[in-house]
Amino acid sequence: MIATLPREEIAGLTAPAHQVTKALPMPMIAHRLGATIICPPDATVAALFGSLGKVIEVENPAEFNALSVVAATYASYFRYLDTINSWLKKNGVEEGKGRDYIASLFKALGSAPDMSPDADFMHLAQDYATRGGINEQVLHELTARNVFEALTESLDGVHRRIVGDTP
């Protein structure tokens, strides 16, 4: 469960263990939500984590590393929600009402990929950005400010850290 170390290094640390499978369980599995990635596929490890939520088995360590980067976005996600909540408070909405509304909306948005399994995220963004609407406005403004490019750069930095390409 040391996702940031190469499997070979973990094998050396855990010798004489003969079978080493990397796993990256997320805190949400305590509530049977979210997913755990494992590499390489292993039926026993998959069964263990499968009782706690979705298991995504990957053969390729590079794919495991790339998927691991996603875990670096949690704090930013909550900061995004906090920014929205702070804006609501500044505009006269009670803390509890704003938090409940935001949590409800984003929980529902989290279900959108399951409800449209053939749509990629960009298509979902387009579907939710009604032409001339307020979602399109915010999307265009954030895009113009290079928010998504900055996010990509941050993900690249985390990836370099995970694969050991940074000092």
Protein backbone atom coordinates (compact mmCIF):
# COMPACT_ATOMS: atom_id res chain seq x y z
CA MET A 1 0.00 0.00 0.00
CA ILE A 2 2.94 2.26 -0.66
CA ALA A 3 1.69 3.64 -3.94
CA THR A 4 4.56 6.06 -4.47
CA LEU A 5 7.32 3.42 -4.39
CA PRO A 6 8.11 1.12 -7.31
CA ARG A 7 6.84 -2.43 -6.87
CA GLU A 8 10.40 -3.76 -7.00
CA GLU A 9 11.43 -1.54 -4.10
CA ILE A 10 8.43 -2.67 -2.08
CA ALA A 11 9.34 -6.30 -2.83
CA GLY A 12 12.82 -5.65 -1.41
CA LEU A 13 11.37 -4.05 1.72
CA THR A 14 8.90 -6.89 2.28
CA ALA A 15 11.18 -9.86 1.55
CA PRO A 16 10.76 -12.78 1.96
CA ALA A 17 7.23 -12.10 0.64
CA HIS A 18 7.00 -13.62 -2.83
CA GLN A 19 3.84 -11.90 -4.07
CA VAL A 20 3.66 -8.09 -4.10
CA THR A 21 0.64 -6.21 -5.39
CA LYS A 22 0.47 -2.44 -5.17
CA ALA A 23 -2.83 -0.98 -4.02
CA LEU A 24 -4.07 2.56 -3.63
CA PRO A 25 -7.20 2.52 -1.48
CA MET A 26 -8.85 5.88 -0.94
CA PRO A 27 -10.39 7.10 2.32
CA MET A 28 -13.90 6.89 0.83
CA ILE A 29 -13.77 3.09 0.78
CA ALA A 30 -14.42 3.25 4.52
CA HIS A 31 -17.97 4.13 3.40
CA ARG A 32 -17.90 1.68 0.49
CA LEU A 33 -17.52 4.51 -2.02
CA GLY A 34 -14.83 5.13 -4.57
CA ALA A 35 -12.34 2.74 -6.05
CA THR A 36 -9.04 1.06 -5.29
CA ILE A 37 -6.47 0.57 -8.01
CA ILE A 38 -4.22 -2.49 -7.84
CA CYS A 39 -1.23 -3.56 -9.90
CA PRO A 40 -0.70 -6.21 -11.05
CA PRO A 41 -4.12 -7.87 -11.06
CA ASP A 42 -4.50 -10.28 -8.16
CA ALA A 43 -7.69 -12.17 -7.32
CA THR A 44 -7.08 -12.20 -3.55
CA VAL A 45 -6.29 -8.50 -3.33
CA ALA A 46 -9.19 -7.66 -5.66
CA ALA A 47 -11.57 -9.67 -3.45
CA LEU A 48 -10.31 -7.92 -0.32
CA PHE A 49 -10.82 -4.42 -1.72
CA GLY A 50 -13.87 -5.46 -3.73
CA SER A 51 -15.75 -5.91 -0.47
CA LEU A 52 -15.16 -2.18 0.14
CA GLY A 53 -15.95 -0.75 -3.30
CA LYS A 54 -14.91 -0.83 -6.92
CA VAL A 55 -11.54 -2.35 -7.83
CA ILE A 56 -9.65 -1.29 -10.93
CA GLU A 57 -6.92 -3.77 -11.82
CA VAL A 58 -4.09 -2.61 -14.05
CA GLU A 59 -1.25 -4.61 -15.58
CA ASN A 60 1.04 -1.73 -16.37
CA PRO A 61 2.92 0.12 -13.57
CA ALA A 62 2.95 3.29 -15.71
CA GLU A 63 -0.85 3.17 -15.86
CA PHE A 64 -0.99 2.63 -12.08
CA ASN A 65 1.25 5.69 -11.59
CA ALA A 66 -0.92 7.83 -13.87
CA LEU A 67 -4.09 6.75 -12.07
CA SER A 68 -2.38 7.49 -8.73
CA VAL A 69 -2.04 11.14 -9.72
CA VAL A 70 -5.83 11.53 -9.54
CA ALA A 71 -5.63 11.21 -5.74
CA ALA A 72 -3.76 14.52 -5.69
CA THR A 73 -6.93 16.40 -6.69
CA TYR A 74 -9.04 15.89 -3.55
CA ALA A 75 -7.94 18.99 -1.65
CA SER A 76 -8.37 21.15 -4.76
CA TYR A 77 -11.86 19.77 -5.27
CA PHE A 78 -12.85 20.76 -1.74
CA ARG A 79 -11.19 24.16 -2.17
CA TYR A 80 -13.31 24.62 -5.31
CA LEU A 81 -16.45 23.83 -3.30
CA ASP A 82 -15.28 26.12 -0.49
CA THR A 83 -14.81 28.96 -2.98
CA ILE A 84 -18.40 28.51 -4.13
CA ASN A 85 -19.62 28.31 -0.52
CA SER A 86 -17.67 31.43 0.47
CA TRP A 87 -19.19 33.27 -2.46
CA LEU A 88 -22.67 32.20 -1.33
CA LYS A 89 -22.00 33.39 2.23
CA LYS A 90 -20.73 36.73 0.91
CA ASN A 91 -24.01 37.00 -0.98
CA GLY A 92 -26.24 36.37 2.03
CA VAL A 93 -26.77 32.59 1.98
CA GLU A 94 -26.60 30.83 5.35
CA GLU A 95 -23.64 28.47 5.81
CA GLY A 96 -25.78 25.34 6.27
CA LYS A 97 -28.03 26.05 3.32
CA GLY A 98 -25.15 26.78 0.99
CA ARG A 99 -23.18 23.72 2.09
CA ASP A 100 -26.21 21.45 1.74
CA TYR A 101 -27.04 22.81 -1.70
CA ILE A 102 -23.47 22.52 -2.96
CA ALA A 103 -23.06 19.01 -1.56
CA SER A 104 -26.34 17.90 -3.12
CA LEU A 105 -25.53 19.38 -6.53
CA PHE A 106 -22.04 17.91 -6.72
CA LYS A 107 -23.19 14.54 -5.46
CA ALA A 108 -25.73 14.49 -8.30
CA LEU A 109 -23.07 15.63 -10.79
CA GLY A 110 -20.90 12.76 -9.61
CA SER A 111 -23.60 10.40 -10.87
CA ALA A 112 -23.66 11.89 -14.37
CA PRO A 113 -20.93 9.62 -15.79
CA ASP A 114 -22.84 6.54 -14.58
CA MET A 115 -26.07 7.85 -16.08
CA SER A 116 -24.32 8.52 -19.42
CA PRO A 117 -21.72 5.74 -19.62
CA ASP A 118 -20.96 6.36 -23.29
CA ALA A 119 -20.22 10.07 -22.82
CA ASP A 120 -16.69 11.18 -22.04
CA PHE A 121 -16.14 14.06 -19.63
CA MET A 122 -15.77 16.66 -22.38
CA HIS A 123 -19.15 15.66 -23.80
CA LEU A 124 -20.66 15.91 -20.33
CA ALA A 125 -19.14 19.40 -20.00
CA GLN A 126 -20.71 20.36 -23.32
CA ASP A 127 -24.05 18.86 -22.31
CA TYR A 128 -24.09 20.86 -19.08
CA ALA A 129 -22.88 24.07 -20.75
CA THR A 130 -26.16 25.23 -22.22
CA ARG A 131 -25.43 27.44 -25.20
CA GLY A 132 -25.52 31.03 -24.02
CA GLY A 133 -26.15 29.86 -20.45
CA ILE A 134 -24.44 30.46 -17.14
CA ASN A 135 -22.54 27.16 -17.15
CA GLU A 136 -21.10 28.00 -20.55
CA GLN A 137 -20.11 31.43 -19.23
CA VAL A 138 -18.15 30.06 -16.25
CA LEU A 139 -16.55 27.34 -18.39
CA HIS A 140 -15.40 29.91 -20.97
CA GLU A 141 -14.11 32.29 -18.29
CA LEU A 142 -12.13 29.57 -16.48
CA THR A 143 -10.79 28.31 -19.81
CA ALA A 144 -9.74 31.81 -20.83
CA ARG A 145 -7.86 32.16 -17.53
CA ASN A 146 -6.00 28.89 -18.27
CA VAL A 147 -7.35 27.22 -15.12
CA PHE A 148 -7.43 23.83 -16.82
CA GLU A 149 -3.94 24.20 -18.25
CA ALA A 150 -2.69 25.07 -14.75
CA LEU A 151 -4.38 21.93 -13.44
CA THR A 152 -2.68 19.85 -16.14
CA GLU A 153 0.69 21.34 -15.16
CA SER A 154 0.04 20.43 -11.52
CA LEU A 155 -0.90 16.87 -12.49
CA ASP A 156 2.30 16.63 -14.54
CA GLY A 157 4.29 17.76 -11.50
CA VAL A 158 2.68 15.14 -9.26
CA HIS A 159 3.31 12.49 -11.91
CA ARG A 160 6.99 13.43 -12.08
CA ARG A 161 7.13 13.14 -8.29
CA ILE A 162 5.48 9.72 -8.27
CA VAL A 163 7.74 8.29 -10.97
CA GLY A 164 10.82 9.84 -9.39
CA ASP A 165 11.63 12.44 -12.07
CA THR A 166 11.94 15.33 -9.61
CA PRO A 167 14.77 16.13 -7.21
